[in-house]
N, C-alpha and C. Protein backbone atom coordinates (compact mmCIF):
# COMPACT_ATOMS: atom_id res chain seq x y z
N MET A 1 -20.73 -16.20 11.48
CA MET A 1 -19.09 -16.17 11.07
C MET A 1 -18.72 -15.95 12.25
N GLN A 2 -17.38 -16.71 12.45
CA GLN A 2 -16.24 -16.93 13.51
C GLN A 2 -15.51 -15.96 12.87
N LYS A 3 -14.29 -15.38 13.55
CA LYS A 3 -13.22 -14.79 12.96
C LYS A 3 -12.65 -15.58 12.25
N HIS A 4 -12.23 -16.92 12.79
CA HIS A 4 -11.38 -17.76 12.17
C HIS A 4 -11.44 -18.11 10.34
N GLU A 5 -12.86 -18.11 10.41
CA GLU A 5 -13.85 -18.34 8.99
C GLU A 5 -13.21 -16.91 8.19
N ILE A 6 -13.62 -15.89 8.61
CA ILE A 6 -13.16 -14.47 7.84
C ILE A 6 -11.85 -14.00 7.49
N ALA A 7 -10.84 -14.83 8.43
CA ALA A 7 -9.73 -14.40 8.55
C ALA A 7 -9.03 -14.49 7.01
N SER A 8 -9.54 -15.74 6.13
CA SER A 8 -8.60 -16.60 5.19
C SER A 8 -10.04 -15.71 3.98
N THR A 9 -10.66 -15.04 4.08
CA THR A 9 -11.62 -14.79 3.05
C THR A 9 -11.35 -13.71 1.94
N PRO A 10 -11.02 -13.28 0.68
CA PRO A 10 -10.77 -12.01 -0.36
C PRO A 10 -11.57 -10.67 0.25
N GLU A 11 -13.15 -11.29 0.84
CA GLU A 11 -13.73 -10.72 1.32
C GLU A 11 -13.10 -10.08 2.29
N ALA A 12 -12.57 -10.07 3.61
CA ALA A 12 -12.28 -9.66 4.82
C ALA A 12 -10.87 -8.91 3.95
N GLU A 13 -10.27 -9.42 3.23
CA GLU A 13 -9.02 -8.75 2.55
C GLU A 13 -10.02 -6.78 2.02
N LEU A 14 -10.37 -7.43 1.37
CA LEU A 14 -11.30 -6.55 0.75
C LEU A 14 -12.10 -5.15 1.83
N LEU A 15 -12.78 -5.79 2.89
CA LEU A 15 -13.16 -5.01 3.80
C LEU A 15 -12.20 -4.27 4.25
N VAL A 16 -11.10 -4.92 4.54
CA VAL A 16 -9.94 -3.50 5.51
C VAL A 16 -9.21 -2.96 4.71
N VAL A 17 -9.37 -3.05 2.87
CA VAL A 17 -8.83 -1.32 2.27
C VAL A 17 -10.27 -0.55 2.37
N GLN A 18 -11.32 -1.03 2.28
CA GLN A 18 -12.29 -0.07 1.88
C GLN A 18 -12.16 0.65 3.49
N GLU A 19 -12.73 0.15 4.48
CA GLU A 19 -12.50 0.51 5.74
C GLU A 19 -11.35 1.08 6.00
N ALA A 20 -10.25 1.40 5.59
CA ALA A 20 -8.87 1.90 5.43
C ALA A 20 -9.11 3.09 4.57
N ALA A 21 -9.28 2.53 3.56
CA ALA A 21 -9.95 4.35 2.75
C ALA A 21 -10.55 5.12 3.16
N ARG A 22 -11.53 4.49 4.43
CA ARG A 22 -12.83 5.45 4.90
C ARG A 22 -12.03 6.27 6.11
N LEU A 23 -11.35 5.84 6.21
CA LEU A 23 -10.52 6.18 8.18
C LEU A 23 -9.73 7.28 7.18
N ILE A 24 -8.67 6.93 6.07
CA ILE A 24 -7.66 7.98 5.90
C ILE A 24 -8.64 9.21 5.40
N THR A 25 -9.54 9.14 5.16
CA THR A 25 -9.95 10.30 4.21
C THR A 25 -11.24 11.31 5.07
N ARG A 26 -11.11 10.81 6.19
CA ARG A 26 -12.06 11.10 7.63
C ARG A 26 -11.20 12.56 8.49
N SER A 27 -10.09 12.35 7.92
CA SER A 27 -9.17 13.45 9.55
C SER A 27 -8.32 13.68 8.76
N THR A 28 -7.08 14.80 8.72
CA THR A 28 -5.92 14.90 8.69
C THR A 28 -5.00 14.30 10.00
N ASP A 29 -5.66 14.04 11.00
CA ASP A 29 -4.99 13.45 12.17
C ASP A 29 -4.76 12.23 11.64
N PRO A 30 -2.85 11.81 11.44
CA PRO A 30 -3.11 10.62 11.13
C PRO A 30 -3.61 9.42 12.64
N GLU A 31 -3.20 9.46 13.51
CA GLU A 31 -3.81 8.79 14.99
C GLU A 31 -5.07 8.13 14.60
N PRO A 32 -5.80 8.49 14.56
CA PRO A 32 -6.88 7.80 14.67
C PRO A 32 -7.09 6.34 13.41
N ALA A 33 -6.55 7.09 11.94
CA ALA A 33 -6.58 6.46 10.76
C ALA A 33 -5.99 5.22 10.81
N ILE A 34 -4.53 5.32 11.51
CA ILE A 34 -3.37 4.65 11.68
C ILE A 34 -3.94 3.34 12.45
N GLN A 35 -4.23 3.76 13.50
CA GLN A 35 -4.94 2.84 14.87
C GLN A 35 -5.41 2.20 13.97
N GLY A 36 -7.02 2.53 13.36
CA GLY A 36 -7.74 1.73 12.86
C GLY A 36 -7.52 0.97 11.61
N ILE A 37 -6.44 1.09 11.28
CA ILE A 37 -5.98 0.55 10.08
C ILE A 37 -5.60 -1.09 10.74
N LEU A 38 -4.62 -1.04 11.88
CA LEU A 38 -3.97 -1.46 13.00
C LEU A 38 -4.78 -2.75 13.52
N ARG A 39 -5.94 -2.20 14.13
CA ARG A 39 -7.20 -2.86 14.53
C ARG A 39 -7.70 -3.36 14.03
N LEU A 40 -7.85 -3.11 12.53
CA LEU A 40 -8.79 -3.89 11.32
C LEU A 40 -8.10 -5.26 11.47
N LEU A 41 -6.37 -4.81 10.60
CA LEU A 41 -5.60 -5.92 10.35
C LEU A 41 -5.24 -6.89 11.29
N SER A 42 -5.75 -6.64 12.72
CA SER A 42 -5.64 -7.73 13.93
C SER A 42 -6.88 -8.21 13.84
N GLN A 43 -7.98 -7.94 14.15
CA GLN A 43 -9.03 -8.27 14.38
C GLN A 43 -9.80 -9.09 12.83
N LEU A 44 -9.70 -8.53 11.91
CA LEU A 44 -10.19 -9.06 10.45
C LEU A 44 -9.34 -10.11 10.24
N LEU A 45 -7.91 -10.09 9.98
CA LEU A 45 -6.93 -10.85 9.42
C LEU A 45 -5.92 -11.80 10.02
N GLY A 46 -5.79 -11.83 11.59
CA GLY A 46 -5.19 -12.36 12.36
C GLY A 46 -3.17 -11.38 11.92
N LEU A 47 -3.62 -10.66 11.23
CA LEU A 47 -2.25 -9.63 11.68
C LEU A 47 -2.34 -9.13 12.82
N ASN A 48 -1.29 -9.61 13.46
CA ASN A 48 -1.61 -8.91 14.87
C ASN A 48 -0.52 -8.13 15.48
N ARG A 49 -0.34 -7.22 16.39
CA ARG A 49 0.66 -6.88 16.92
C ARG A 49 1.06 -5.62 15.66
N GLY A 50 0.36 -4.93 14.99
CA GLY A 50 0.88 -3.84 13.97
C GLY A 50 1.28 -2.93 14.34
N ARG A 51 2.42 -2.33 13.57
CA ARG A 51 3.03 -1.04 14.19
C ARG A 51 3.72 -0.29 12.91
N VAL A 52 3.45 0.94 13.09
CA VAL A 52 4.29 1.90 12.63
C VAL A 52 5.43 2.48 13.02
N LEU A 53 6.50 2.21 12.31
CA LEU A 53 7.91 2.91 12.98
C LEU A 53 8.00 4.41 12.14
N LEU A 54 8.57 5.16 12.95
CA LEU A 54 9.02 6.16 11.66
C LEU A 54 10.18 6.84 12.34
N PRO A 55 11.14 7.72 12.04
CA PRO A 55 12.17 8.25 12.65
C PRO A 55 11.94 9.14 13.80
N SER A 56 13.01 8.56 14.79
CA SER A 56 12.73 9.42 15.60
C SER A 56 13.64 11.30 15.72
N SER A 57 13.51 11.84 16.90
CA SER A 57 14.08 12.73 16.97
C SER A 57 15.51 12.71 16.74
N GLU A 58 16.19 11.37 17.54
CA GLU A 58 17.44 11.10 17.68
C GLU A 58 17.60 10.88 16.42
N VAL A 59 18.63 11.71 15.67
CA VAL A 59 19.17 11.19 13.93
C VAL A 59 19.19 9.14 14.38
N GLY A 60 18.92 9.01 12.83
CA GLY A 60 19.76 7.31 12.95
C GLY A 60 19.22 6.42 13.45
N THR A 61 17.58 6.62 14.18
CA THR A 61 16.72 5.99 14.56
C THR A 61 15.22 5.89 14.48
N LEU A 62 14.98 4.91 14.63
CA LEU A 62 13.22 4.77 13.88
C LEU A 62 12.54 4.12 15.75
N GLU A 63 11.67 4.21 15.84
CA GLU A 63 10.36 4.04 17.20
C GLU A 63 9.13 4.02 16.28
N ILE A 64 8.30 3.09 17.67
CA ILE A 64 7.07 2.57 17.15
C ILE A 64 6.17 3.95 17.60
N GLN A 65 5.57 4.34 16.31
CA GLN A 65 4.96 5.71 16.98
C GLN A 65 3.27 5.25 16.73
N TYR A 66 2.87 4.52 16.37
CA TYR A 66 1.71 3.76 15.87
C TYR A 66 1.70 2.49 16.42
N SER A 67 0.41 1.62 17.03
CA SER A 67 0.83 0.30 17.16
C SER A 67 -1.00 -0.08 18.17
N TYR A 68 -0.88 -1.38 17.28
CA TYR A 68 -2.31 -2.00 17.86
C TYR A 68 -2.47 -3.43 18.55
N GLY A 69 -2.09 -3.89 20.06
CA GLY A 69 -1.81 -5.02 20.52
C GLY A 69 -0.50 -5.24 21.42
N LEU A 70 0.04 -3.78 21.28
CA LEU A 70 1.58 -3.67 21.93
C LEU A 70 1.06 -2.79 23.31
N THR A 71 1.55 -3.53 24.53
CA THR A 71 1.59 -2.62 26.13
C THR A 71 2.54 -1.29 25.66
N ALA A 72 2.34 -0.60 26.42
CA ALA A 72 2.83 0.95 26.46
C ALA A 72 4.81 0.57 26.70
N GLN A 73 5.22 -0.64 27.59
CA GLN A 73 6.22 -1.00 27.68
C GLN A 73 6.70 -1.65 25.87
N GLU A 74 6.51 -2.63 25.34
CA GLU A 74 6.18 -3.12 23.97
C GLU A 74 6.99 -1.69 23.39
N LYS A 75 6.15 -0.96 23.47
CA LYS A 75 6.06 0.29 22.14
C LYS A 75 7.45 0.75 22.78
N ALA A 76 7.44 1.00 23.54
CA ALA A 76 8.67 2.13 24.13
C ALA A 76 9.81 1.41 24.01
N ARG A 77 9.93 0.16 24.09
CA ARG A 77 11.34 -0.83 23.85
C ARG A 77 11.25 -1.01 22.27
N GLY A 78 10.32 -0.62 21.01
CA GLY A 78 10.57 -0.36 19.96
C GLY A 78 11.42 0.41 19.26
N ARG A 79 12.75 0.59 19.93
CA ARG A 79 13.62 1.43 19.15
C ARG A 79 14.83 0.71 18.68
N TYR A 80 15.19 1.16 17.24
CA TYR A 80 15.94 0.32 16.41
C TYR A 80 16.83 1.66 15.61
N MET A 81 18.08 1.12 15.43
CA MET A 81 18.95 2.05 14.42
C MET A 81 18.97 1.74 13.00
N ILE A 82 18.56 2.50 11.82
CA ILE A 82 18.52 2.51 10.71
C ILE A 82 19.34 1.56 10.10
N GLY A 83 18.80 0.25 9.96
CA GLY A 83 19.86 -0.72 9.14
C GLY A 83 19.77 -1.86 10.55
N GLU A 84 19.36 -1.53 11.32
CA GLU A 84 19.13 -2.59 12.91
C GLU A 84 17.80 -3.26 12.67
N GLY A 85 18.31 -4.71 12.95
CA GLY A 85 16.88 -5.84 13.04
C GLY A 85 16.16 -5.71 11.69
N VAL A 86 15.07 -6.31 11.17
CA VAL A 86 14.42 -6.02 9.99
C VAL A 86 13.83 -5.28 10.07
N SER A 87 12.99 -4.79 10.89
CA SER A 87 12.64 -3.04 10.72
C SER A 87 13.60 -2.24 10.12
N GLY A 88 14.72 -1.87 10.73
CA GLY A 88 15.53 -0.99 10.61
C GLY A 88 16.08 -0.97 9.16
N ARG A 89 16.63 -2.86 9.20
CA ARG A 89 16.67 -3.04 7.44
C ARG A 89 15.68 -2.81 6.44
N VAL A 90 14.36 -2.94 6.60
CA VAL A 90 13.31 -2.50 5.53
C VAL A 90 13.53 -1.02 5.31
N PHE A 91 13.79 -0.24 6.36
CA PHE A 91 13.72 1.02 6.68
C PHE A 91 15.26 1.48 5.68
N GLN A 92 16.13 1.00 5.96
CA GLN A 92 17.05 1.57 5.23
C GLN A 92 17.19 1.02 3.41
N THR A 93 16.78 -0.29 3.05
CA THR A 93 16.77 -0.51 1.54
C THR A 93 15.63 -0.63 1.26
N GLY A 94 14.40 -0.18 1.71
CA GLY A 94 12.95 0.00 0.93
C GLY A 94 12.51 -1.21 0.65
N GLN A 95 13.10 -2.69 0.96
CA GLN A 95 12.56 -3.69 0.70
C GLN A 95 11.71 -3.79 1.24
N VAL A 96 10.71 -4.75 1.42
CA VAL A 96 9.95 -6.23 2.37
C VAL A 96 10.67 -6.84 2.81
N ALA A 97 10.59 -7.04 4.04
CA ALA A 97 11.16 -8.39 4.13
C ALA A 97 9.79 -9.39 5.53
N LEU A 98 10.22 -10.75 4.68
CA LEU A 98 9.20 -11.71 5.26
C LEU A 98 10.13 -12.84 5.58
N ILE A 99 9.55 -12.59 6.91
CA ILE A 99 10.30 -14.03 8.24
C ILE A 99 9.17 -15.08 7.89
N GLN A 100 9.82 -16.15 7.92
CA GLN A 100 8.26 -16.69 8.14
C GLN A 100 8.75 -17.37 9.50
N ASN A 101 9.43 -17.79 9.81
CA ASN A 101 9.55 -18.03 11.40
C ASN A 101 10.34 -16.95 12.37
N ILE A 102 10.24 -16.61 13.04
CA ILE A 102 11.17 -15.45 13.58
C ILE A 102 12.08 -16.04 14.61
N ASP A 103 11.59 -17.33 14.99
CA ASP A 103 13.06 -18.25 15.72
C ASP A 103 14.25 -18.82 15.25
N GLU A 104 13.70 -18.61 13.72
CA GLU A 104 14.97 -19.19 12.96
C GLU A 104 15.78 -18.07 11.96
N GLU A 105 15.19 -17.04 12.63
CA GLU A 105 16.16 -15.63 11.62
C GLU A 105 17.05 -14.76 12.81
N PRO A 106 18.09 -14.84 12.42
CA PRO A 106 19.26 -14.09 13.43
C PRO A 106 18.79 -12.58 13.70
N THR A 107 18.64 -11.72 12.27
CA THR A 107 18.41 -10.67 12.14
C THR A 107 17.19 -9.51 13.00
N TYR A 108 15.70 -10.87 13.41
CA TYR A 108 14.59 -10.57 14.26
C TYR A 108 14.90 -10.28 15.68
N LEU A 109 14.83 -9.34 15.93
CA LEU A 109 15.37 -9.41 17.80
C LEU A 109 15.05 -8.79 18.60
N ALA A 110 13.26 -9.20 18.26
CA ALA A 110 12.32 -9.51 19.86
C ALA A 110 12.85 -8.30 20.72
N ARG A 111 12.72 -7.52 20.33
CA ARG A 111 12.77 -6.06 21.05
C ARG A 111 11.76 -5.76 21.73
N ALA A 112 11.10 -5.44 20.66
CA ALA A 112 9.97 -4.98 21.52
C ALA A 112 8.83 -5.81 21.87
N VAL A 113 8.65 -6.75 21.51
CA VAL A 113 7.93 -8.18 22.17
C VAL A 113 8.84 -8.90 22.07
N ASP A 114 8.11 -9.61 23.69
CA ASP A 114 9.62 -10.79 23.94
C ASP A 114 8.78 -12.27 23.36
N ARG A 115 9.36 -12.77 22.76
CA ARG A 115 8.93 -13.86 22.28
C ARG A 115 8.32 -14.88 23.19
N THR A 116 8.60 -14.82 24.48
CA THR A 116 7.14 -15.52 25.51
C THR A 116 5.81 -14.96 25.84
N THR A 117 5.91 -14.09 24.82
CA THR A 117 4.16 -13.88 24.98
C THR A 117 3.86 -14.06 23.90
N LEU A 118 4.58 -14.32 22.73
CA LEU A 118 3.58 -15.04 21.72
C LEU A 118 3.05 -16.03 21.23
N PRO A 119 2.47 -16.55 20.44
CA PRO A 119 2.00 -18.32 20.45
C PRO A 119 3.14 -19.20 20.31
N ASP A 120 3.09 -20.57 20.89
CA ASP A 120 4.23 -21.53 20.91
C ASP A 120 4.73 -22.00 19.62
N GLU A 121 3.52 -21.82 18.87
CA GLU A 121 3.48 -22.51 17.35
C GLU A 121 4.75 -21.14 16.59
N ALA A 122 4.90 -21.68 15.42
CA ALA A 122 5.81 -20.62 14.28
C ALA A 122 5.53 -19.59 14.27
N VAL A 123 5.93 -18.51 14.49
CA VAL A 123 5.08 -16.74 14.17
C VAL A 123 5.88 -16.59 13.26
N ALA A 124 5.21 -16.19 12.28
CA ALA A 124 6.03 -14.68 10.85
C ALA A 124 5.90 -13.63 11.27
N PHE A 125 7.12 -12.49 11.03
CA PHE A 125 6.77 -11.60 10.96
C PHE A 125 6.95 -10.68 9.56
N ILE A 126 6.33 -9.97 9.26
CA ILE A 126 6.21 -9.23 7.76
C ILE A 126 6.43 -7.67 8.01
N ALA A 127 7.40 -6.83 7.06
CA ALA A 127 7.46 -5.81 7.35
C ALA A 127 7.69 -4.84 6.33
N VAL A 128 6.87 -4.18 5.60
CA VAL A 128 6.91 -3.38 4.21
C VAL A 128 7.17 -2.16 4.68
N PRO A 129 7.82 -1.14 3.66
CA PRO A 129 8.15 -0.32 4.17
C PRO A 129 7.08 1.19 3.75
N ILE A 130 7.49 2.16 4.18
CA ILE A 130 5.77 3.43 3.92
C ILE A 130 7.14 4.21 3.05
N VAL A 131 6.13 4.69 2.47
CA VAL A 131 7.06 5.30 1.12
C VAL A 131 6.45 6.67 0.85
N ILE A 132 6.94 7.57 0.90
CA ILE A 132 6.49 8.94 0.83
C ILE A 132 7.48 9.75 -0.29
N GLU A 133 7.00 9.56 -1.83
CA GLU A 133 7.33 10.71 -3.10
C GLU A 133 8.67 9.55 -3.30
N GLU A 134 8.86 8.15 -3.16
CA GLU A 134 9.57 7.60 -3.46
C GLU A 134 11.27 7.18 -2.34
N TYR A 135 10.82 7.96 -1.36
CA TYR A 135 11.60 7.42 -0.16
C TYR A 135 11.06 6.87 0.83
N PRO A 136 11.94 6.09 1.40
CA PRO A 136 11.05 5.29 2.87
C PRO A 136 10.66 5.88 3.79
N ALA A 137 10.17 6.18 4.31
CA ALA A 137 9.35 7.12 5.49
C ALA A 137 8.74 6.23 6.86
N GLY A 138 8.99 5.23 6.55
CA GLY A 138 8.44 4.92 8.35
C GLY A 138 8.83 2.86 7.68
N VAL A 139 7.83 2.01 8.84
CA VAL A 139 7.96 0.84 8.31
C VAL A 139 6.55 -0.02 8.84
N LEU A 140 5.96 -0.36 8.18
CA LEU A 140 4.83 -1.10 8.54
C LEU A 140 5.13 -2.46 9.01
N ALA A 141 4.75 -3.33 10.44
CA ALA A 141 5.09 -4.61 10.76
C ALA A 141 4.19 -5.18 11.30
N VAL A 142 3.91 -6.49 11.27
CA VAL A 142 2.85 -7.32 11.73
C VAL A 142 3.28 -8.71 12.06
N HIS A 143 3.12 -9.19 13.43
CA HIS A 143 3.14 -10.91 13.35
C HIS A 143 1.92 -11.25 12.32
N ARG A 144 2.30 -12.45 12.45
CA ARG A 144 1.38 -13.40 11.59
C ARG A 144 1.63 -14.77 12.20
N LEU A 145 0.35 -16.18 12.34
CA LEU A 145 1.29 -17.29 12.51
C LEU A 145 1.17 -17.78 10.95
N ARG A 146 2.29 -18.60 11.33
CA ARG A 146 3.02 -19.13 10.00
C ARG A 146 1.71 -19.95 9.38
N LYS A 147 1.09 -20.68 9.95
CA LYS A 147 0.17 -22.14 9.73
C LYS A 147 -1.12 -21.52 8.87
N ARG A 148 -1.33 -19.87 8.93
CA ARG A 148 -2.50 -19.44 8.49
C ARG A 148 -2.34 -20.37 7.14
N GLU A 149 -4.11 -20.01 6.34
CA GLU A 149 -4.07 -21.08 5.33
C GLU A 149 -3.97 -19.72 3.99
N ARG A 150 -3.92 -18.86 4.51
CA ARG A 150 -3.67 -17.09 3.44
C ARG A 150 -2.31 -17.15 3.04
N PRO A 151 -1.74 -17.14 1.44
CA PRO A 151 -0.51 -17.08 0.84
C PRO A 151 0.11 -15.85 1.85
N PHE A 152 1.31 -15.93 2.22
CA PHE A 152 2.31 -14.78 2.89
C PHE A 152 1.70 -13.81 1.69
N GLN A 153 1.70 -14.18 0.18
CA GLN A 153 2.46 -13.14 -1.14
C GLN A 153 0.55 -12.35 -0.91
N ARG A 154 -0.52 -12.59 -0.36
CA ARG A 154 -1.81 -12.16 -0.48
C ARG A 154 -1.18 -11.09 0.89
N ASP A 155 -1.10 -11.53 1.98
CA ASP A 155 -0.39 -10.09 3.28
C ASP A 155 0.28 -9.32 3.01
N VAL A 156 1.48 -9.54 2.18
CA VAL A 156 2.68 -8.73 1.99
C VAL A 156 1.59 -8.13 0.73
N ALA A 157 0.81 -8.31 -0.42
CA ALA A 157 0.43 -6.81 -1.09
C ALA A 157 -1.11 -6.13 -0.47
N LEU A 158 -0.99 -6.73 0.76
CA LEU A 158 -2.38 -6.12 1.08
C LEU A 158 -1.24 -5.26 2.11
N LEU A 159 -0.53 -5.30 2.98
CA LEU A 159 0.21 -4.59 4.01
C LEU A 159 0.33 -3.24 2.87
N GLN A 160 1.20 -3.87 1.41
CA GLN A 160 2.06 -2.77 0.47
C GLN A 160 0.77 -1.73 0.76
N VAL A 161 -0.32 -1.98 0.44
CA VAL A 161 -1.39 -1.00 -0.08
C VAL A 161 -1.39 0.31 1.24
N LEU A 162 -1.81 -0.73 2.30
CA LEU A 162 -2.15 -0.22 3.43
C LEU A 162 -0.55 0.46 3.92
N ALA A 163 0.34 0.57 3.42
CA ALA A 163 1.27 1.32 3.70
C ALA A 163 1.77 2.67 3.21
N THR A 164 0.99 2.34 1.62
CA THR A 164 0.35 3.53 0.74
C THR A 164 -0.29 4.37 1.48
N PHE A 165 -1.46 3.89 2.06
CA PHE A 165 -2.22 4.58 2.84
C PHE A 165 -1.58 5.23 3.61
N ILE A 166 -1.03 5.26 4.65
CA ILE A 166 -0.27 5.38 5.72
C ILE A 166 0.82 6.40 5.30
N GLY A 167 1.76 6.12 4.27
CA GLY A 167 2.24 7.39 3.76
C GLY A 167 1.51 8.57 3.69
N GLN A 168 0.45 7.94 2.92
CA GLN A 168 -0.54 9.46 2.21
C GLN A 168 -0.81 10.44 3.56
N THR A 169 -1.42 9.68 4.16
CA THR A 169 -2.05 10.22 5.35
C THR A 169 -1.02 11.08 6.72
N LEU A 170 0.24 9.86 6.53
CA LEU A 170 1.53 11.06 7.16
C LEU A 170 1.58 12.34 6.23
N ARG A 171 1.70 12.08 5.21
CA ARG A 171 2.40 13.07 4.02
C ARG A 171 1.09 14.90 4.32
N VAL A 172 0.12 13.99 4.38
CA VAL A 172 -1.15 14.93 4.70
C VAL A 172 -0.88 15.83 5.67
N ASN A 173 -0.81 15.34 6.83
CA ASN A 173 -0.78 15.70 7.84
C ASN A 173 0.65 16.45 7.94
N GLU A 174 1.62 16.09 7.45
CA GLU A 174 2.98 17.04 7.08
C GLU A 174 2.62 18.45 6.82
N LEU A 175 1.62 18.41 5.72
CA LEU A 175 1.36 19.48 5.01
C LEU A 175 0.37 20.35 5.57
N VAL A 176 -0.59 19.76 6.23
CA VAL A 176 -1.68 21.25 7.12
C VAL A 176 -1.08 21.08 8.71
N ALA A 177 -0.07 20.49 8.46
CA ALA A 177 0.57 21.11 10.23
C ALA A 177 1.48 22.24 10.11
């Protein structure tokens, strides 16, 4: 079966959840688990350039801590004030952001990933809060092609589940560190 056929099946979504659960239970180190989840999202579902933004040591800012499909330079450019851009707003409000076309959204800053490196067609951006004990602790965000057959709401729901897994991984790491 080819990747594009897998990408729209509920089976692929379930496989991502199962593998993500397996990854987070294997280690107290969040990096391999989170990197693995972001890789699965890209390879199985076409949710690309996944990133997890967490508060940085500089108060009031978020930075890309984990990513898949971003260069070191893109990751380094991924810094936002809380409330700034789509990711900063998701962190501040705790609300999901679904941008169906980044070219038509003024709050999408294209800071980490330059628009010219993305496909020429309409690209969407989905960002969900990572919540720990009812408080936003970070943001999980991905790009996807808008034209995919899979409904956006299925991607949002899946990302919310995975954000919960990531939040728990980060919490466990905090407790044992």
